Amino acid sequence: MFGLGVPELIIIALIILLFFGAKRLPGIGTGLGKTVKEVRNIKKELSGQKKKTEKSETAEASKSEEKTLEGKMADKVLNKVPGVEHARKIKEKAEKIKKMVS
């Protein structure tokens, strides 16, 4: 594991303990666990998305409609910000008008 042995890992653990303190270590562990779980979920979603794109390569129309993982995450984050949905609707209307004019 990256050339780290037991003594090195113990030294790293002691430094972390001194730096953060014993009271904050459970919270750090919980946060780290949630992060690992989220990364695994994203990995599963990406692998599932790769399978979908392989199947949908024959149908270009359906491929263009699929959203990427980045797009999905951006949508989740932006939906939490007040006023973003209204701004999106305005942008879509402006794009439709722009297409009609050109």
PDB file of N, CA and C in Angstrom:
ATOM      1  N   MET A   1       0.846  -1.185   0.000  1.00  0.00           N
ATOM      2  CA  MET A   1       0.000   0.000   0.000  1.00  0.00           C
ATOM      3  C   MET A   1       0.887   1.242   0.000  1.00  0.00           C
ATOM      4  N   PHE A   2       1.313   1.677  -1.134  1.00  0.00           N
ATOM      5  CA  PHE A   2       2.140   2.863  -1.317  1.00  0.00           C
ATOM      6  C   PHE A   2       3.443   2.785  -0.519  1.00  0.00           C
ATOM      7  N   GLY A   3       3.900   1.609  -0.202  1.00  0.00           N
ATOM      8  CA  GLY A   3       5.143   1.456   0.536  1.00  0.00           C
ATOM      9  C   GLY A   3       5.036   1.859   1.994  1.00  0.00           C
ATOM     10  N   LEU A   4       3.838   1.942   2.526  1.00  0.00           N
ATOM     11  CA  LEU A   4       3.653   2.309   3.926  1.00  0.00           C
ATOM     12  C   LEU A   4       3.498   1.048   4.761  1.00  0.00           C
ATOM     13  N   GLY A   5       4.286   0.949   5.803  1.00  0.00           N
ATOM     14  CA  GLY A   5       4.174  -0.177   6.715  1.00  0.00           C
ATOM     15  C   GLY A   5       3.398   0.215   7.945  1.00  0.00           C
ATOM     16  N   VAL A   6       3.323  -0.698   8.880  1.00  0.00           N
ATOM     17  CA  VAL A   6       2.595  -0.469  10.126  1.00  0.00           C
ATOM     18  C   VAL A   6       3.191   0.696  10.925  1.00  0.00           C
ATOM     19  N   PRO A   7       4.522   0.789  11.061  1.00  0.00           N
ATOM     20  CA  PRO A   7       5.065   1.912  11.840  1.00  0.00           C
ATOM     21  C   PRO A   7       4.732   3.282  11.236  1.00  0.00           C
ATOM     22  N   GLU A   8       4.776   3.361   9.903  1.00  0.00           N
ATOM     23  CA  GLU A   8       4.456   4.636   9.252  1.00  0.00           C
ATOM     24  C   GLU A   8       2.994   5.013   9.467  1.00  0.00           C
ATOM     25  N   LEU A   9       2.103   4.022   9.362  1.00  0.00           N
ATOM     26  CA  LEU A   9       0.675   4.289   9.569  1.00  0.00           C
ATOM     27  C   LEU A   9       0.398   4.714  11.010  1.00  0.00           C
ATOM     28  N   ILE A  10       1.087   4.131  11.976  1.00  0.00           N
ATOM     29  CA  ILE A  10       0.917   4.523  13.377  1.00  0.00           C
ATOM     30  C   ILE A  10       1.383   5.955  13.588  1.00  0.00           C
ATOM     31  N   ILE A  11       2.501   6.323  12.975  1.00  0.00           N
ATOM     32  CA  ILE A  11       3.001   7.697  13.097  1.00  0.00           C
ATOM     33  C   ILE A  11       2.010   8.672  12.472  1.00  0.00           C
ATOM     34  N   ILE A  12       1.462   8.335  11.306  1.00  0.00           N
ATOM     35  CA  ILE A  12       0.472   9.199  10.655  1.00  0.00           C
ATOM     36  C   ILE A  12      -0.765   9.325  11.544  1.00  0.00           C
ATOM     37  N   ALA A  13      -1.218   8.229  12.137  1.00  0.00           N
ATOM     38  CA  ALA A  13      -2.394   8.267  13.018  1.00  0.00           C
ATOM     39  C   ALA A  13      -2.132   9.144  14.234  1.00  0.00           C
ATOM     40  N   LEU A  14      -0.935   9.060  14.814  1.00  0.00           N
ATOM     41  CA  LEU A  14      -0.608   9.914  15.962  1.00  0.00           C
ATOM     42  C   LEU A  14      -0.565  11.386  15.575  1.00  0.00           C
ATOM     43  N   ILE A  15      -0.020  11.692  14.421  1.00  0.00           N
ATOM     44  CA  ILE A  15       0.016  13.093  13.968  1.00  0.00           C
ATOM     45  C   ILE A  15      -1.404  13.617  13.768  1.00  0.00           C
ATOM     46  N   ILE A  16      -2.264  12.806  13.169  1.00  0.00           N
ATOM     47  CA  ILE A  16      -3.662  13.216  12.976  1.00  0.00           C
ATOM     48  C   ILE A  16      -4.346  13.414  14.320  1.00  0.00           C
ATOM     49  N   LEU A  17      -4.085  12.517  15.265  1.00  0.00           N
ATOM     50  CA  LEU A  17      -4.674  12.632  16.597  1.00  0.00           C
ATOM     51  C   LEU A  17      -4.220  13.924  17.275  1.00  0.00           C
ATOM     52  N   LEU A  18      -2.942  14.244  17.179  1.00  0.00           N
ATOM     53  CA  LEU A  18      -2.435  15.479  17.783  1.00  0.00           C
ATOM     54  C   LEU A  18      -2.972  16.720  17.078  1.00  0.00           C
ATOM     55  N   PHE A  19      -3.075  16.636  15.770  1.00  0.00           N
ATOM     56  CA  PHE A  19      -3.499  17.799  14.999  1.00  0.00           C
ATOM     57  C   PHE A  19      -4.980  18.119  15.197  1.00  0.00           C
ATOM     58  N   PHE A  20      -5.841  17.089  15.141  1.00  0.00           N
ATOM     59  CA  PHE A  20      -7.276  17.325  15.220  1.00  0.00           C
ATOM     60  C   PHE A  20      -7.845  17.146  16.618  1.00  0.00           C
ATOM     61  N   GLY A  21      -7.241  16.321  17.426  1.00  0.00           N
ATOM     62  CA  GLY A  21      -7.767  16.081  18.769  1.00  0.00           C
ATOM     63  C   GLY A  21      -8.714  14.910  18.794  1.00  0.00           C
ATOM     64  N   ALA A  22      -8.861  14.326  19.971  1.00  0.00           N
ATOM     65  CA  ALA A  22      -9.665  13.117  20.118  1.00  0.00           C
ATOM     66  C   ALA A  22     -11.159  13.384  19.940  1.00  0.00           C
ATOM     67  N   LYS A  23     -11.608  14.588  20.250  1.00  0.00           N
ATOM     68  CA  LYS A  23     -13.042  14.883  20.159  1.00  0.00           C
ATOM     69  C   LYS A  23     -13.526  14.967  18.709  1.00  0.00           C
ATOM     70  N   ARG A  24     -12.656  15.400  17.802  1.00  0.00           N
ATOM     71  CA  ARG A  24     -13.069  15.580  16.409  1.00  0.00           C
ATOM     72  C   ARG A  24     -12.847  14.341  15.556  1.00  0.00           C
ATOM     73  N   LEU A  25     -12.108  13.355  16.027  1.00  0.00           N
ATOM     74  CA  LEU A  25     -11.821  12.171  15.221  1.00  0.00           C
ATOM     75  C   LEU A  25     -13.071  11.386  14.818  1.00  0.00           C
ATOM     76  N   PRO A  26     -14.070  11.188  15.701  1.00  0.00           N
ATOM     77  CA  PRO A  26     -15.276  10.469  15.237  1.00  0.00           C
ATOM     78  C   PRO A  26     -15.995  11.198  14.102  1.00  0.00           C
ATOM     79  N   GLY A  27     -16.055  12.508  14.181  1.00  0.00           N
ATOM     80  CA  GLY A  27     -16.687  13.281  13.111  1.00  0.00           C
ATOM     81  C   GLY A  27     -15.915  13.176  11.810  1.00  0.00           C
ATOM     82  N   ILE A  28     -14.603  13.187  11.913  1.00  0.00           N
ATOM     83  CA  ILE A  28     -13.765  13.047  10.722  1.00  0.00           C
ATOM     84  C   ILE A  28     -13.966  11.665  10.112  1.00  0.00           C
ATOM     85  N   GLY A  29     -14.023  10.642  10.968  1.00  0.00           N
ATOM     86  CA  GLY A  29     -14.258   9.285  10.476  1.00  0.00           C
ATOM     87  C   GLY A  29     -15.606   9.144   9.795  1.00  0.00           C
ATOM     88  N   THR A  30     -16.621   9.747  10.385  1.00  0.00           N
ATOM     89  CA  THR A  30     -17.954   9.708   9.780  1.00  0.00           C
ATOM     90  C   THR A  30     -17.956  10.399   8.423  1.00  0.00           C
ATOM     91  N   GLY A  31     -17.342  11.558   8.359  1.00  0.00           N
ATOM     92  CA  GLY A  31     -17.265  12.289   7.092  1.00  0.00           C
ATOM     93  C   GLY A  31     -16.498  11.519   6.041  1.00  0.00           C
ATOM     94  N   LEU A  32     -15.406  10.885   6.456  1.00  0.00           N
ATOM     95  CA  LEU A  32     -14.616  10.084   5.529  1.00  0.00           C
ATOM     96  C   LEU A  32     -15.417   8.885   5.031  1.00  0.00           C
ATOM     97  N   GLY A  33     -16.167   8.261   5.922  1.00  0.00           N
ATOM     98  CA  GLY A  33     -17.007   7.128   5.525  1.00  0.00           C
ATOM     99  C   GLY A  33     -18.077   7.535   4.526  1.00  0.00           C
ATOM    100  N   LYS A  34     -18.714   8.676   4.761  1.00  0.00           N
ATOM    101  CA  LYS A  34     -19.731   9.173   3.825  1.00  0.00           C
ATOM    102  C   LYS A  34     -19.115   9.497   2.475  1.00  0.00           C
ATOM    103  N   THR A  35     -17.918  10.052   2.502  1.00  0.00           N
ATOM    104  CA  THR A  35     -17.237  10.389   1.254  1.00  0.00           C
ATOM    105  C   THR A  35     -16.922   9.135   0.452  1.00  0.00           C
ATOM    106  N   VAL A  36     -16.420   8.109   1.130  1.00  0.00           N
ATOM    107  CA  VAL A  36     -16.114   6.851   0.446  1.00  0.00           C
ATOM    108  C   VAL A  36     -17.385   6.240  -0.136  1.00  0.00           C
ATOM    109  N   LYS A  37     -18.477   6.292   0.621  1.00  0.00           N
ATOM    110  CA  LYS A  37     -19.744   5.751   0.139  1.00  0.00           C
ATOM    111  C   LYS A  37     -20.222   6.514  -1.105  1.00  0.00           C
ATOM    112  N   GLU A  38     -20.103   7.830  -1.080  1.00  0.00           N
ATOM    113  CA  GLU A  38     -20.529   8.642  -2.218  1.00  0.00           C
ATOM    114  C   GLU A  38     -19.663   8.364  -3.445  1.00  0.00           C
ATOM    115  N   VAL A  39     -18.368   8.198  -3.242  1.00  0.00           N
ATOM    116  CA  VAL A  39     -17.475   7.882  -4.363  1.00  0.00           C
ATOM    117  C   VAL A  39     -17.849   6.540  -4.971  1.00  0.00           C
ATOM    118  N   ARG A  40     -18.167   5.560  -4.128  1.00  0.00           N
ATOM    119  CA  ARG A  40     -18.593   4.259  -4.645  1.00  0.00           C
ATOM    120  C   ARG A  40     -19.889   4.372  -5.432  1.00  0.00           C
ATOM    121  N   ASN A  41     -20.829   5.169  -4.938  1.00  0.00           N
ATOM    122  CA  ASN A  41     -22.093   5.364  -5.663  1.00  0.00           C
ATOM    123  C   ASN A  41     -21.856   6.019  -7.012  1.00  0.00           C
ATOM    124  N   ILE A  42     -20.968   7.004  -7.035  1.00  0.00           N
ATOM    125  CA  ILE A  42     -20.657   7.681  -8.296  1.00  0.00           C
ATOM    126  C   ILE A  42     -19.989   6.704  -9.252  1.00  0.00           C
ATOM    127  N   LYS A  43     -19.109   5.859  -8.731  1.00  0.00           N
ATOM    128  CA  LYS A  43     -18.441   4.861  -9.573  1.00  0.00           C
ATOM    129  C   LYS A  43     -19.460   3.903 -10.178  1.00  0.00           C
ATOM    130  N   LYS A  44     -20.419   3.448  -9.360  1.00  0.00           N
ATOM    131  CA  LYS A  44     -21.459   2.559  -9.875  1.00  0.00           C
ATOM    132  C   LYS A  44     -22.293   3.261 -10.934  1.00  0.00           C
ATOM    133  N   GLU A  45     -22.608   4.517 -10.685  1.00  0.00           N
ATOM    134  CA  GLU A  45     -23.411   5.278 -11.638  1.00  0.00           C
ATOM    135  C   GLU A  45     -22.657   5.475 -12.945  1.00  0.00           C
ATOM    136  N   LEU A  46     -21.358   5.745 -12.841  1.00  0.00           N
ATOM    137  CA  LEU A  46     -20.556   5.914 -14.048  1.00  0.00           C
ATOM    138  C   LEU A  46     -20.468   4.620 -14.839  1.00  0.00           C
ATOM    139  N   SER A  47     -20.263   3.499 -14.159  1.00  0.00           N
ATOM    140  CA  SER A  47     -20.178   2.225 -14.870  1.00  0.00           C
ATOM    141  C   SER A  47     -21.526   1.882 -15.509  1.00  0.00           C
ATOM    142  N   GLY A  48     -22.607   2.185 -14.818  1.00  0.00           N
ATOM    143  CA  GLY A  48     -23.932   1.987 -15.397  1.00  0.00           C
ATOM    144  C   GLY A  48     -24.170   2.901 -16.580  1.00  0.00           C
ATOM    145  N   GLN A  49     -23.638   4.104 -16.484  1.00  0.00           N
ATOM    146  CA  GLN A  49     -23.791   5.060 -17.571  1.00  0.00           C
ATOM    147  C   GLN A  49     -22.979   4.618 -18.791  1.00  0.00           C
ATOM    148  N   LYS A  50     -21.800   4.025 -18.558  1.00  0.00           N
ATOM    149  CA  LYS A  50     -20.987   3.531 -19.671  1.00  0.00           C
ATOM    150  C   LYS A  50     -21.726   2.432 -20.407  1.00  0.00           C
ATOM    151  N   LYS A  51     -22.381   1.542 -19.642  1.00  0.00           N
ATOM    152  CA  LYS A  51     -23.139   0.467 -20.275  1.00  0.00           C
ATOM    153  C   LYS A  51     -24.288   1.042 -21.095  1.00  0.00           C
ATOM    154  N   LYS A  52     -24.938   2.062 -20.551  1.00  0.00           N
ATOM    155  CA  LYS A  52     -26.033   2.696 -21.276  1.00  0.00           C
ATOM    156  C   LYS A  52     -25.544   3.327 -22.565  1.00  0.00           C
ATOM    157  N   THR A  53     -24.395   4.018 -22.502  1.00  0.00           N
ATOM    158  CA  THR A  53     -23.892   4.678 -23.701  1.00  0.00           C
ATOM    159  C   THR A  53     -23.452   3.672 -24.744  1.00  0.00           C
ATOM    160  N   GLU A  54     -22.917   2.525 -24.307  1.00  0.00           N
ATOM    161  CA  GLU A  54     -22.552   1.487 -25.269  1.00  0.00           C
ATOM    162  C   GLU A  54     -23.785   0.947 -25.982  1.00  0.00           C
ATOM    163  N   LYS A  55     -24.871   0.784 -25.239  1.00  0.00           N
ATOM    164  CA  LYS A  55     -26.100   0.290 -25.837  1.00  0.00           C
ATOM    165  C   LYS A  55     -26.749   1.333 -26.746  1.00  0.00           C
ATOM    166  N   SER A  56     -26.605   2.598 -26.370  1.00  0.00           N
ATOM    167  CA  SER A  56     -27.299   3.648 -27.108  1.00  0.00           C
ATOM    168  C   SER A  56     -26.454   4.271 -28.203  1.00  0.00           C
ATOM    169  N   GLU A  57     -25.263   3.722 -28.467  1.00  0.00           N
ATOM    170  CA  GLU A  57     -24.442   4.276 -29.539  1.00  0.00           C
ATOM    171  C   GLU A  57     -25.122   4.106 -30.887  1.00  0.00           C
ATOM    172  N   THR A  58     -25.922   3.078 -31.035  1.00  0.00           N
ATOM    173  CA  THR A  58     -26.607   2.852 -32.300  1.00  0.00           C
ATOM    174  C   THR A  58     -27.709   3.887 -32.522  1.00  0.00           C
ATOM    175  N   ALA A  59     -28.274   4.380 -31.446  1.00  0.00           N
ATOM    176  CA  ALA A  59     -29.339   5.374 -31.553  1.00  0.00           C
ATOM    177  C   ALA A  59     -28.783   6.731 -31.132  1.00  0.00           C
ATOM    178  N   GLU A  60     -28.371   7.545 -32.087  1.00  0.00           N
ATOM    179  CA  GLU A  60     -27.753   8.827 -31.770  1.00  0.00           C
ATOM    180  C   GLU A  60     -28.720   9.809 -31.112  1.00  0.00           C
ATOM    181  N   ALA A  61     -29.972   9.711 -31.428  1.00  0.00           N
ATOM    182  CA  ALA A  61     -30.943  10.631 -30.843  1.00  0.00           C
ATOM    183  C   ALA A  61     -31.065  10.431 -29.338  1.00  0.00           C
ATOM    184  N   SER A  62     -31.119   9.198 -28.908  1.00  0.00           N
ATOM    185  CA  SER A  62     -31.225   8.950 -27.473  1.00  0.00           C
ATOM    186  C   SER A  62     -29.937   9.295 -26.758  1.00  0.00           C
ATOM    187  N   LYS A  63     -28.807   9.173 -27.447  1.00  0.00           N
ATOM    188  CA  LYS A  63     -27.518   9.510 -26.846  1.00  0.00           C
ATOM    189  C   LYS A  63     -27.426  11.005 -26.557  1.00  0.00           C
ATOM    190  N   SER A  64     -27.949  11.828 -27.422  1.00  0.00           N
ATOM    191  CA  SER A  64     -27.859  13.270 -27.215  1.00  0.00           C
ATOM    192  C   SER A  64     -28.762  13.742 -26.074  1.00  0.00           C
ATOM    193  N   GLU A  65     -29.794  12.960 -25.748  1.00  0.00           N
ATOM    194  CA  GLU A  65     -30.711  13.351 -24.684  1.00  0.00           C
ATOM    195  C   GLU A  65     -30.196  12.994 -23.291  1.00  0.00           C
ATOM    196  N   GLU A  66     -29.253  12.045 -23.196  1.00  0.00           N
ATOM    197  CA  GLU A  66     -28.750  11.628 -21.890  1.00  0.00           C
ATOM    198  C   GLU A  66     -27.901  12.725 -21.272  1.00  0.00           C
ATOM    199  N   LYS A  67     -28.007  12.868 -19.965  1.00  0.00           N
ATOM    200  CA  LYS A  67     -27.206  13.840 -19.249  1.00  0.00           C
ATOM    201  C   LYS A  67     -25.976  13.158 -18.686  1.00  0.00           C
ATOM    202  N   THR A  68     -24.901  13.907 -18.594  1.00  0.00           N
ATOM    203  CA  THR A  68     -23.692  13.366 -18.003  1.00  0.00           C
ATOM    204  C   THR A  68     -23.792  13.446 -16.486  1.00  0.00           C
ATOM    205  N   LEU A  69     -22.886  12.785 -15.824  1.00  0.00           N
ATOM    206  CA  LEU A  69     -22.859  12.814 -14.366  1.00  0.00           C
ATOM    207  C   LEU A  69     -22.615  14.232 -13.860  1.00  0.00           C
ATOM    208  N   GLU A  70     -21.732  14.938 -14.553  1.00  0.00           N
ATOM    209  CA  GLU A  70     -21.463  16.321 -14.156  1.00  0.00           C
ATOM    210  C   GLU A  70     -22.723  17.169 -14.272  1.00  0.00           C
ATOM    211  N   GLY A  71     -23.476  16.954 -15.310  1.00  0.00           N
ATOM    212  CA  GLY A  71     -24.711  17.700 -15.495  1.00  0.00           C
ATOM    213  C   GLY A  71     -25.731  17.402 -14.413  1.00  0.00           C
ATOM    214  N   LYS A  72     -25.825  16.132 -14.032  1.00  0.00           N
ATOM    215  CA  LYS A  72     -26.755  15.755 -12.971  1.00  0.00           C
ATOM    216  C   LYS A  72     -26.364  16.381 -11.646  1.00  0.00           C
ATOM    217  N   MET A  73     -25.060  16.338 -11.329  1.00  0.00           N
ATOM    218  CA  MET A  73     -24.599  16.912 -10.068  1.00  0.00           C
ATOM    219  C   MET A  73     -24.779  18.429 -10.070  1.00  0.00           C
ATOM    220  N   ALA A  74     -24.514  19.066 -11.204  1.00  0.00           N
ATOM    221  CA  ALA A  74     -24.707  20.504 -11.295  1.00  0.00           C
ATOM    222  C   ALA A  74     -26.175  20.864 -11.098  1.00  0.00           C
ATOM    223  N   ASP A  75     -27.071  20.051 -11.665  1.00  0.00           N
ATOM    224  CA  ASP A  75     -28.499  20.295 -11.482  1.00  0.00           C
ATOM    225  C   ASP A  75     -28.892  20.205 -10.015  1.00  0.00           C
ATOM    226  N   LYS A  76     -28.364  19.185  -9.314  1.00  0.00           N
ATOM    227  CA  LYS A  76     -28.686  19.027  -7.897  1.00  0.00           C
ATOM    228  C   LYS A  76     -28.228  20.232  -7.090  1.00  0.00           C
ATOM    229  N   VAL A  77     -27.018  20.689  -7.360  1.00  0.00           N
ATOM    230  CA  VAL A  77     -26.468  21.819  -6.608  1.00  0.00           C
ATOM    231  C   VAL A  77     -27.218  23.096  -6.940  1.00  0.00           C
ATOM    232  N   LEU A  78     -27.470  23.316  -8.214  1.00  0.00           N
ATOM    233  CA  LEU A  78     -28.128  24.552  -8.622  1.00  0.00           C
ATOM    234  C   LEU A  78     -29.583  24.619  -8.178  1.00  0.00           C
ATOM    235  N   ASN A  79     -30.233  23.475  -8.061  1.00  0.00           N
ATOM    236  CA  ASN A  79     -31.626  23.481  -7.614  1.00  0.00           C
ATOM    237  C   ASN A  79     -31.756  23.915  -6.164  1.00  0.00           C
ATOM    238  N   LYS A  80     -30.675  23.837  -5.391  1.00  0.00           N
ATOM    239  CA  LYS A  80     -30.713  24.270  -4.003  1.00  0.00           C
ATOM    240  C   LYS A  80     -30.555  25.781  -3.860  1.00  0.00           C
ATOM    241  N   VAL A  81     -30.110  26.445  -4.923  1.00  0.00           N
ATOM    242  CA  VAL A  81     -29.911  27.891  -4.878  1.00  0.00           C
ATOM    243  C   VAL A  81     -31.215  28.572  -5.284  1.00  0.00           C
ATOM    244  N   PRO A  82     -31.697  29.533  -4.466  1.00  0.00           N
ATOM    245  CA  PRO A  82     -32.966  30.200  -4.793  1.00  0.00           C
ATOM    246  C   PRO A  82     -32.866  31.008  -6.086  1.00  0.00           C
ATOM    247  N   GLY A  83     -33.904  30.927  -6.909  1.00  0.00           N
ATOM    248  CA  GLY A  83     -33.983  31.731  -8.120  1.00  0.00           C
ATOM    249  C   GLY A  83     -33.351  31.089  -9.341  1.00  0.00           C
ATOM    250  N   VAL A  84     -32.689  29.972  -9.196  1.00  0.00           N
ATOM    251  CA  VAL A  84     -31.998  29.357 -10.326  1.00  0.00           C
ATOM    252  C   VAL A  84     -32.996  28.787 -11.327  1.00  0.00           C
ATOM    253  N   GLU A  85     -34.057  28.164 -10.835  1.00  0.00           N
ATOM    254  CA  GLU A  85     -35.053  27.577 -11.733  1.00  0.00           C
ATOM    255  C   GLU A  85     -35.699  28.651 -12.606  1.00  0.00           C
ATOM    256  N   HIS A  86     -35.989  29.790 -12.026  1.00  0.00           N
ATOM    257  CA  HIS A  86     -36.571  30.893 -12.794  1.00  0.00           C
ATOM    258  C   HIS A  86     -35.585  31.391 -13.847  1.00  0.00           C
ATOM    259  N   ALA A  87     -34.329  31.483 -13.474  1.00  0.00           N
ATOM    260  CA  ALA A  87     -33.303  31.927 -14.422  1.00  0.00           C
ATOM    261  C   ALA A  87     -33.137  30.928 -15.560  1.00  0.00           C
ATOM    262  N   ARG A  88     -33.246  29.647 -15.268  1.00  0.00           N
ATOM    263  CA  ARG A  88     -33.152  28.622 -16.317  1.00  0.00           C
ATOM    264  C   ARG A  88     -34.292  28.749 -17.317  1.00  0.00           C
ATOM    265  N   LYS A  89     -35.496  28.970 -16.803  1.00  0.00           N
ATOM    266  CA  LYS A  89     -36.646  29.118 -17.692  1.00  0.00           C
ATOM    267  C   LYS A  89     -36.467  30.321 -18.612  1.00  0.00           C
ATOM    268  N   ILE A  90     -35.971  31.405 -18.054  1.00  0.00           N
ATOM    269  CA  ILE A  90     -35.731  32.597 -18.866  1.00  0.00           C
ATOM    270  C   ILE A  90     -34.683  32.308 -19.929  1.00  0.00           C
ATOM    271  N   LYS A  91     -33.634  31.602 -19.550  1.00  0.00           N
ATOM    272  CA  LYS A  91     -32.573  31.263 -20.499  1.00  0.00           C
ATOM    273  C   LYS A  91     -33.115  30.383 -21.626  1.00  0.00           C
ATOM    274  N   GLU A  92     -33.943  29.395 -21.286  1.00  0.00           N
ATOM    275  CA  GLU A  92     -34.517  28.519 -22.302  1.00  0.00           C
ATOM    276  C   GLU A  92     -35.398  29.297 -23.269  1.00  0.00           C
ATOM    277  N   LYS A  93     -36.194  30.226 -22.741  1.00  0.00           N
ATOM    278  CA  LYS A  93     -37.039  31.047 -23.601  1.00  0.00           C
ATOM    279  C   LYS A  93     -36.193  31.908 -24.529  1.00  0.00           C
ATOM    280  N   ALA A  94     -35.105  32.462 -23.976  1.00  0.00           N
ATOM    281  CA  ALA A  94     -34.224  33.297 -24.798  1.00  0.00           C
ATOM    282  C   ALA A  94     -33.572  32.476 -25.895  1.00  0.00           C
ATOM    283  N   GLU A  95     -33.186  31.228 -25.612  1.00  0.00           N
ATOM    284  CA  GLU A  95     -32.582  30.367 -26.628  1.00  0.00           C
ATOM    285  C   GLU A  95     -33.579  30.006 -27.709  1.00  0.00           C
ATOM    286  N   LYS A  96     -34.845  29.761 -27.316  1.00  0.00           N
ATOM    287  CA  LYS A  96     -35.872  29.452 -28.306  1.00  0.00           C
ATOM    288  C   LYS A  96     -36.086  30.651 -29.230  1.00  0.00           C
ATOM    289  N   ILE A  97     -36.142  31.843 -28.649  1.00  0.00           N
ATOM    290  CA  ILE A  97     -36.323  33.057 -29.450  1.00  0.00           C
ATOM    291  C   ILE A  97     -35.127  33.254 -30.370  1.00  0.00           C
ATOM    292  N   LYS A  98     -33.943  32.995 -29.875  1.00  0.00           N
ATOM    293  CA  LYS A  98     -32.721  33.154 -30.680  1.00  0.00           C
ATOM    294  C   LYS A  98     -32.742  32.191 -31.867  1.00  0.00           C
ATOM    295  N   LYS A  99     -33.210  30.947 -31.646  1.00  0.00           N
ATOM    296  CA  LYS A  99     -33.303  29.979 -32.737  1.00  0.00           C
ATOM    297  C   LYS A  99     -34.317  30.413 -33.768  1.00  0.00           C
ATOM    298  N   MET A 100     -35.440  31.011 -33.314  1.00  0.00           N
ATOM    299  CA  MET A 100     -36.466  31.463 -34.242  1.00  0.00           C
ATOM    300  C   MET A 100     -35.972  32.621 -35.107  1.00  0.00           C
ATOM    301  N   VAL A 101     -35.197  33.486 -34.502  1.00  0.00           N
ATOM    302  CA  VAL A 101     -34.711  34.666 -35.214  1.00  0.00           C
ATOM    303  C   VAL A 101     -33.641  34.284 -36.229  1.00  0.00           C
ATOM    304  N   SER A 102     -32.762  33.353 -35.874  1.00  0.00           N
ATOM    305  CA  SER A 102     -31.683  33.005 -36.797  1.00  0.00           C
ATOM    306  C   SER A 102     -32.059  31.950 -37.773  1.00  0.00           C
TER     307      SER A 102
END
